[in-house]
Amino acid sequence: MRIIEYRIDRHITCYDFNTIQHLLKVDRSKLQRDLKRISGSEYVKYKNQHLYSEVVLFRLMEEQLVKRLDKIQCE
């Protein structure tokens, strides 16, 4: 799968839901819950898609990394 990014502005890059799901390798429902939980996860609606900023993607990546490291550490 290709990573699809959208340039909203010169400095703002956004990603669609499916790209984020593919990058993080999480279930659709889990990703939806995480996006609702994160504060500041506003989205831009473009061509019937919800686009999330790069900051949201990095915050989700950070959380997944911490969870997986904790899981490894507990074993």
Protein backbone atom coordinates (compact mmCIF):
# COMPACT_ATOMS: atom_id res chain seq x y z
CA MET A 1 0.00 0.00 0.00
CA ARG A 2 1.17 3.48 -0.77
CA ILE A 3 1.37 6.13 1.89
CA ILE A 4 -0.95 8.91 0.85
CA GLU A 5 -0.27 12.35 2.20
CA TYR A 6 -2.04 15.58 1.45
CA ARG A 7 -0.42 19.00 1.59
CA ILE A 8 -2.99 21.39 3.00
CA ASP A 9 -0.55 24.22 3.33
CA ARG A 10 3.14 24.56 2.70
CA HIS A 11 3.92 23.37 6.24
CA ILE A 12 0.89 21.21 7.03
CA THR A 13 0.79 17.58 5.94
CA CYS A 14 -2.28 15.44 6.54
CA TYR A 15 -2.92 11.70 6.26
CA ASP A 16 -6.15 9.84 5.64
CA PHE A 17 -7.60 7.25 8.01
CA ASN A 18 -6.58 4.20 5.95
CA THR A 19 -2.97 5.34 5.69
CA ILE A 20 -2.75 5.86 9.45
CA GLN A 21 -4.32 2.46 10.03
CA HIS A 22 -1.80 0.82 7.71
CA LEU A 23 1.19 2.60 9.26
CA LEU A 24 0.22 1.73 12.83
CA LYS A 25 -1.08 -1.76 12.00
CA VAL A 26 -4.06 -1.51 14.34
CA ASP A 27 -7.71 -2.44 14.00
CA ARG A 28 -10.14 0.08 12.61
CA SER A 29 -12.18 0.28 15.82
CA LYS A 30 -9.06 0.71 17.99
CA LEU A 31 -7.85 3.55 15.80
CA GLN A 32 -11.24 5.24 15.94
CA ARG A 33 -11.24 5.06 19.75
CA ASP A 34 -7.71 6.45 19.92
CA LEU A 35 -8.56 9.32 17.58
CA LYS A 36 -11.58 10.24 19.69
CA ARG A 37 -9.53 10.09 22.88
CA ILE A 38 -6.67 12.27 21.66
CA SER A 39 -7.26 15.93 22.26
CA GLY A 40 -6.59 18.09 19.28
CA SER A 41 -7.37 15.39 16.75
CA GLU A 42 -9.34 17.75 14.57
CA TYR A 43 -9.65 16.67 11.02
CA VAL A 44 -10.09 18.25 7.65
CA LYS A 45 -12.76 16.84 5.41
CA TYR A 46 -11.53 16.57 1.82
CA LYS A 47 -13.16 14.56 -0.96
CA ASN A 48 -15.30 12.62 1.53
CA GLN A 49 -12.25 11.64 3.63
CA HIS A 50 -11.17 12.67 7.09
CA LEU A 51 -7.57 13.90 7.01
CA TYR A 52 -5.58 14.08 10.23
CA SER A 53 -2.51 16.22 10.74
CA GLU A 54 1.01 14.91 11.06
CA VAL A 55 1.01 15.81 14.75
CA VAL A 56 -1.87 13.42 15.40
CA LEU A 57 -0.07 10.66 13.51
CA PHE A 58 3.10 11.15 15.56
CA ARG A 59 1.14 11.19 18.82
CA LEU A 60 -0.51 7.89 17.88
CA MET A 61 2.85 6.41 16.89
CA GLU A 62 4.34 7.46 20.21
CA GLU A 63 1.52 5.83 22.17
CA GLN A 64 1.80 2.59 20.19
CA LEU A 65 5.55 2.52 20.74
CA VAL A 66 5.20 2.99 24.50
CA LYS A 67 2.51 0.29 24.72
CA ARG A 68 4.60 -2.20 22.78
CA LEU A 69 7.73 -1.45 24.82
CA ASP A 70 5.78 -1.93 28.05
CA LYS A 71 4.48 -5.22 26.75
CA ILE A 72 8.01 -6.40 25.94
CA GLN A 73 9.32 -5.20 29.29
CA CYS A 74 6.61 -7.06 31.21
CA GLU A 75 7.53 -10.39 29.59
